């Protein structure tokens, strides 16, 4: 399953996008919104299980156009 995510700030976006790109394909839906496989989100977690970067999953209603 694929999910859309948005990072909290530019530093998190740079670190997070790099980590996600190492684990598989990412799609830039619009500036700041990335679509990734749900399994890839594990790459954003640290050793203790807490997220290394600030991100949120975007609701499908926010992605609709029109």
N, C-alpha and C. Protein backbone atom coordinates (compact mmCIF):
# COMPACT_ATOMS: atom_id res chain seq x y z
N UNK A 1 0.84 -1.18 0.00
CA UNK A 1 0.00 0.00 0.00
C UNK A 1 0.89 1.24 0.00
N UNK A 2 0.46 2.26 -0.68
CA UNK A 2 1.24 3.50 -0.76
C UNK A 2 0.53 4.58 0.04
N UNK A 3 1.33 5.42 0.68
CA UNK A 3 0.80 6.52 1.49
C UNK A 3 1.50 7.81 1.09
N UNK A 4 0.80 8.91 1.28
CA UNK A 4 1.38 10.24 1.02
C UNK A 4 1.82 10.82 2.36
N UNK A 5 3.02 11.40 2.39
CA UNK A 5 3.53 12.00 3.62
C UNK A 5 4.02 13.41 3.35
N UNK A 6 4.07 14.19 4.42
CA UNK A 6 4.57 15.57 4.36
C UNK A 6 5.52 15.74 5.54
N UNK A 7 6.68 16.32 5.29
CA UNK A 7 7.67 16.53 6.34
C UNK A 7 7.43 17.85 7.05
N UNK A 8 7.91 17.94 8.30
CA UNK A 8 7.68 19.12 9.13
C UNK A 8 8.44 20.35 8.69
N UNK A 9 9.70 20.19 8.26
CA UNK A 9 10.49 21.35 7.84
C UNK A 9 11.50 20.92 6.79
N UNK A 10 12.29 21.86 6.29
CA UNK A 10 13.23 21.57 5.20
C UNK A 10 14.32 20.60 5.61
N UNK A 11 14.82 20.72 6.82
CA UNK A 11 15.88 19.82 7.28
C UNK A 11 15.36 18.39 7.36
N UNK A 12 14.16 18.21 7.92
CA UNK A 12 13.57 16.87 7.99
C UNK A 12 13.27 16.33 6.61
N UNK A 13 12.84 17.21 5.70
CA UNK A 13 12.54 16.76 4.34
C UNK A 13 13.80 16.25 3.66
N UNK A 14 14.91 16.93 3.83
CA UNK A 14 16.17 16.49 3.20
C UNK A 14 16.63 15.15 3.77
N UNK A 15 16.63 15.03 5.09
CA UNK A 15 17.05 13.77 5.72
C UNK A 15 16.10 12.63 5.40
N UNK A 16 14.80 12.91 5.46
CA UNK A 16 13.80 11.88 5.23
C UNK A 16 13.76 11.41 3.79
N UNK A 17 13.81 12.33 2.85
CA UNK A 17 13.78 11.95 1.44
C UNK A 17 15.01 11.12 1.07
N UNK A 18 16.15 11.45 1.64
CA UNK A 18 17.37 10.68 1.38
C UNK A 18 17.22 9.26 1.93
N UNK A 19 16.70 9.13 3.15
CA UNK A 19 16.52 7.80 3.75
C UNK A 19 15.50 6.98 2.97
N UNK A 20 14.43 7.62 2.52
CA UNK A 20 13.41 6.90 1.75
C UNK A 20 13.94 6.47 0.39
N UNK A 21 14.73 7.32 -0.26
CA UNK A 21 15.26 6.99 -1.58
C UNK A 21 16.22 5.81 -1.52
N UNK A 22 16.88 5.62 -0.39
CA UNK A 22 17.78 4.47 -0.24
C UNK A 22 17.01 3.16 -0.13
N UNK A 23 15.76 3.20 0.31
CA UNK A 23 14.99 1.98 0.54
C UNK A 23 14.08 1.62 -0.61
N UNK A 24 13.88 2.51 -1.57
CA UNK A 24 13.01 2.20 -2.70
C UNK A 24 12.56 3.46 -3.41
N UNK A 25 11.64 3.29 -4.37
CA UNK A 25 11.20 4.45 -5.15
C UNK A 25 10.31 5.39 -4.35
N UNK A 26 10.46 6.68 -4.62
CA UNK A 26 9.57 7.68 -4.04
C UNK A 26 9.00 8.51 -5.18
N UNK A 27 7.80 9.02 -4.99
CA UNK A 27 7.16 9.86 -5.99
C UNK A 27 6.84 11.20 -5.36
N UNK A 28 7.23 12.28 -6.03
CA UNK A 28 6.90 13.62 -5.55
C UNK A 28 5.55 13.97 -6.17
N UNK A 29 4.54 14.03 -5.34
CA UNK A 29 3.19 14.32 -5.82
C UNK A 29 3.02 15.80 -6.11
N UNK A 30 3.50 16.62 -5.21
CA UNK A 30 3.56 18.08 -5.36
C UNK A 30 4.65 18.54 -4.41
N UNK A 31 5.09 19.77 -4.49
CA UNK A 31 6.19 20.20 -3.62
C UNK A 31 5.89 19.94 -2.14
N UNK A 32 6.73 19.14 -1.53
CA UNK A 32 6.59 18.84 -0.11
C UNK A 32 5.77 17.61 0.20
N UNK A 33 5.11 17.00 -0.78
CA UNK A 33 4.29 15.80 -0.55
C UNK A 33 4.89 14.65 -1.34
N UNK A 34 5.23 13.58 -0.63
CA UNK A 34 5.86 12.41 -1.23
C UNK A 34 4.94 11.21 -1.08
N UNK A 35 4.93 10.34 -2.08
CA UNK A 35 4.18 9.09 -2.02
C UNK A 35 5.19 7.96 -1.94
N UNK A 36 5.06 7.13 -0.91
CA UNK A 36 6.00 6.03 -0.68
C UNK A 36 5.22 4.78 -0.29
N UNK A 37 5.90 3.64 -0.35
CA UNK A 37 5.30 2.41 0.15
C UNK A 37 5.28 2.45 1.67
N UNK A 38 4.26 1.86 2.25
CA UNK A 38 4.11 1.89 3.71
C UNK A 38 5.31 1.24 4.40
N UNK A 39 5.89 0.22 3.79
CA UNK A 39 7.05 -0.46 4.39
C UNK A 39 8.26 0.47 4.48
N UNK A 40 8.34 1.44 3.59
CA UNK A 40 9.49 2.35 3.58
C UNK A 40 9.50 3.29 4.78
N UNK A 41 8.37 3.48 5.44
CA UNK A 41 8.31 4.40 6.57
C UNK A 41 9.19 3.94 7.72
N UNK A 42 9.53 2.65 7.76
CA UNK A 42 10.43 2.15 8.80
C UNK A 42 11.81 2.80 8.71
N UNK A 43 12.19 3.25 7.52
CA UNK A 43 13.49 3.90 7.34
C UNK A 43 13.55 5.24 8.07
N UNK A 44 12.40 5.80 8.41
CA UNK A 44 12.36 7.09 9.09
C UNK A 44 12.45 6.96 10.60
N UNK A 45 12.44 5.72 11.12
CA UNK A 45 12.51 5.50 12.56
C UNK A 45 13.94 5.24 13.00
N UNK A 46 14.26 5.68 14.20
CA UNK A 46 15.58 5.44 14.78
C UNK A 46 15.65 4.07 15.42
N UNK A 47 16.74 3.82 16.10
CA UNK A 47 16.93 2.52 16.74
C UNK A 47 15.94 2.27 17.87
N UNK A 48 15.50 3.35 18.51
CA UNK A 48 14.56 3.20 19.62
C UNK A 48 13.11 3.14 19.15
N UNK A 49 12.87 3.21 17.85
CA UNK A 49 11.52 3.13 17.31
C UNK A 49 10.84 4.48 17.15
N UNK A 50 11.44 5.52 17.69
CA UNK A 50 10.86 6.86 17.54
C UNK A 50 11.31 7.45 16.21
N UNK A 51 10.48 8.26 15.59
CA UNK A 51 10.87 8.85 14.30
C UNK A 51 12.10 9.74 14.40
N UNK A 52 13.02 9.59 13.43
CA UNK A 52 14.21 10.43 13.36
C UNK A 52 13.87 11.81 12.81
N UNK A 53 12.82 11.88 12.02
CA UNK A 53 12.41 13.14 11.40
C UNK A 53 10.93 13.37 11.67
N UNK A 54 10.51 14.62 11.60
CA UNK A 54 9.11 14.98 11.81
C UNK A 54 8.36 14.86 10.49
N UNK A 55 7.35 13.97 10.44
CA UNK A 55 6.53 13.83 9.24
C UNK A 55 5.11 13.48 9.63
N UNK A 56 4.19 13.69 8.71
CA UNK A 56 2.80 13.33 8.93
C UNK A 56 2.26 12.65 7.68
N UNK A 57 1.31 11.75 7.89
CA UNK A 57 0.64 11.10 6.77
C UNK A 57 -0.48 12.02 6.31
N UNK A 58 -0.53 12.29 5.02
CA UNK A 58 -1.51 13.21 4.45
C UNK A 58 -2.82 12.45 4.23
N UNK A 59 -3.92 13.05 4.65
CA UNK A 59 -5.24 12.43 4.45
C UNK A 59 -5.60 12.47 2.97
N UNK A 60 -6.31 11.45 2.49
CA UNK A 60 -6.70 11.42 1.07
C UNK A 60 -7.54 12.62 0.64
N UNK A 61 -8.33 13.19 1.56
CA UNK A 61 -9.17 14.34 1.21
C UNK A 61 -8.33 15.54 0.81
N UNK A 62 -7.13 15.67 1.38
CA UNK A 62 -6.26 16.80 1.07
C UNK A 62 -5.63 16.68 -0.32
N UNK A 63 -5.62 15.49 -0.87
CA UNK A 63 -4.96 15.26 -2.16
C UNK A 63 -5.88 15.46 -3.35
N UNK A 64 -7.18 15.54 -3.10
CA UNK A 64 -8.14 15.67 -4.20
C UNK A 64 -8.02 17.05 -4.84
N UNK A 65 -8.17 17.06 -6.14
CA UNK A 65 -8.10 18.31 -6.90
C UNK A 65 -9.51 18.65 -7.38
N UNK A 66 -9.87 19.91 -7.23
CA UNK A 66 -11.15 20.35 -7.77
C UNK A 66 -12.25 20.46 -6.81
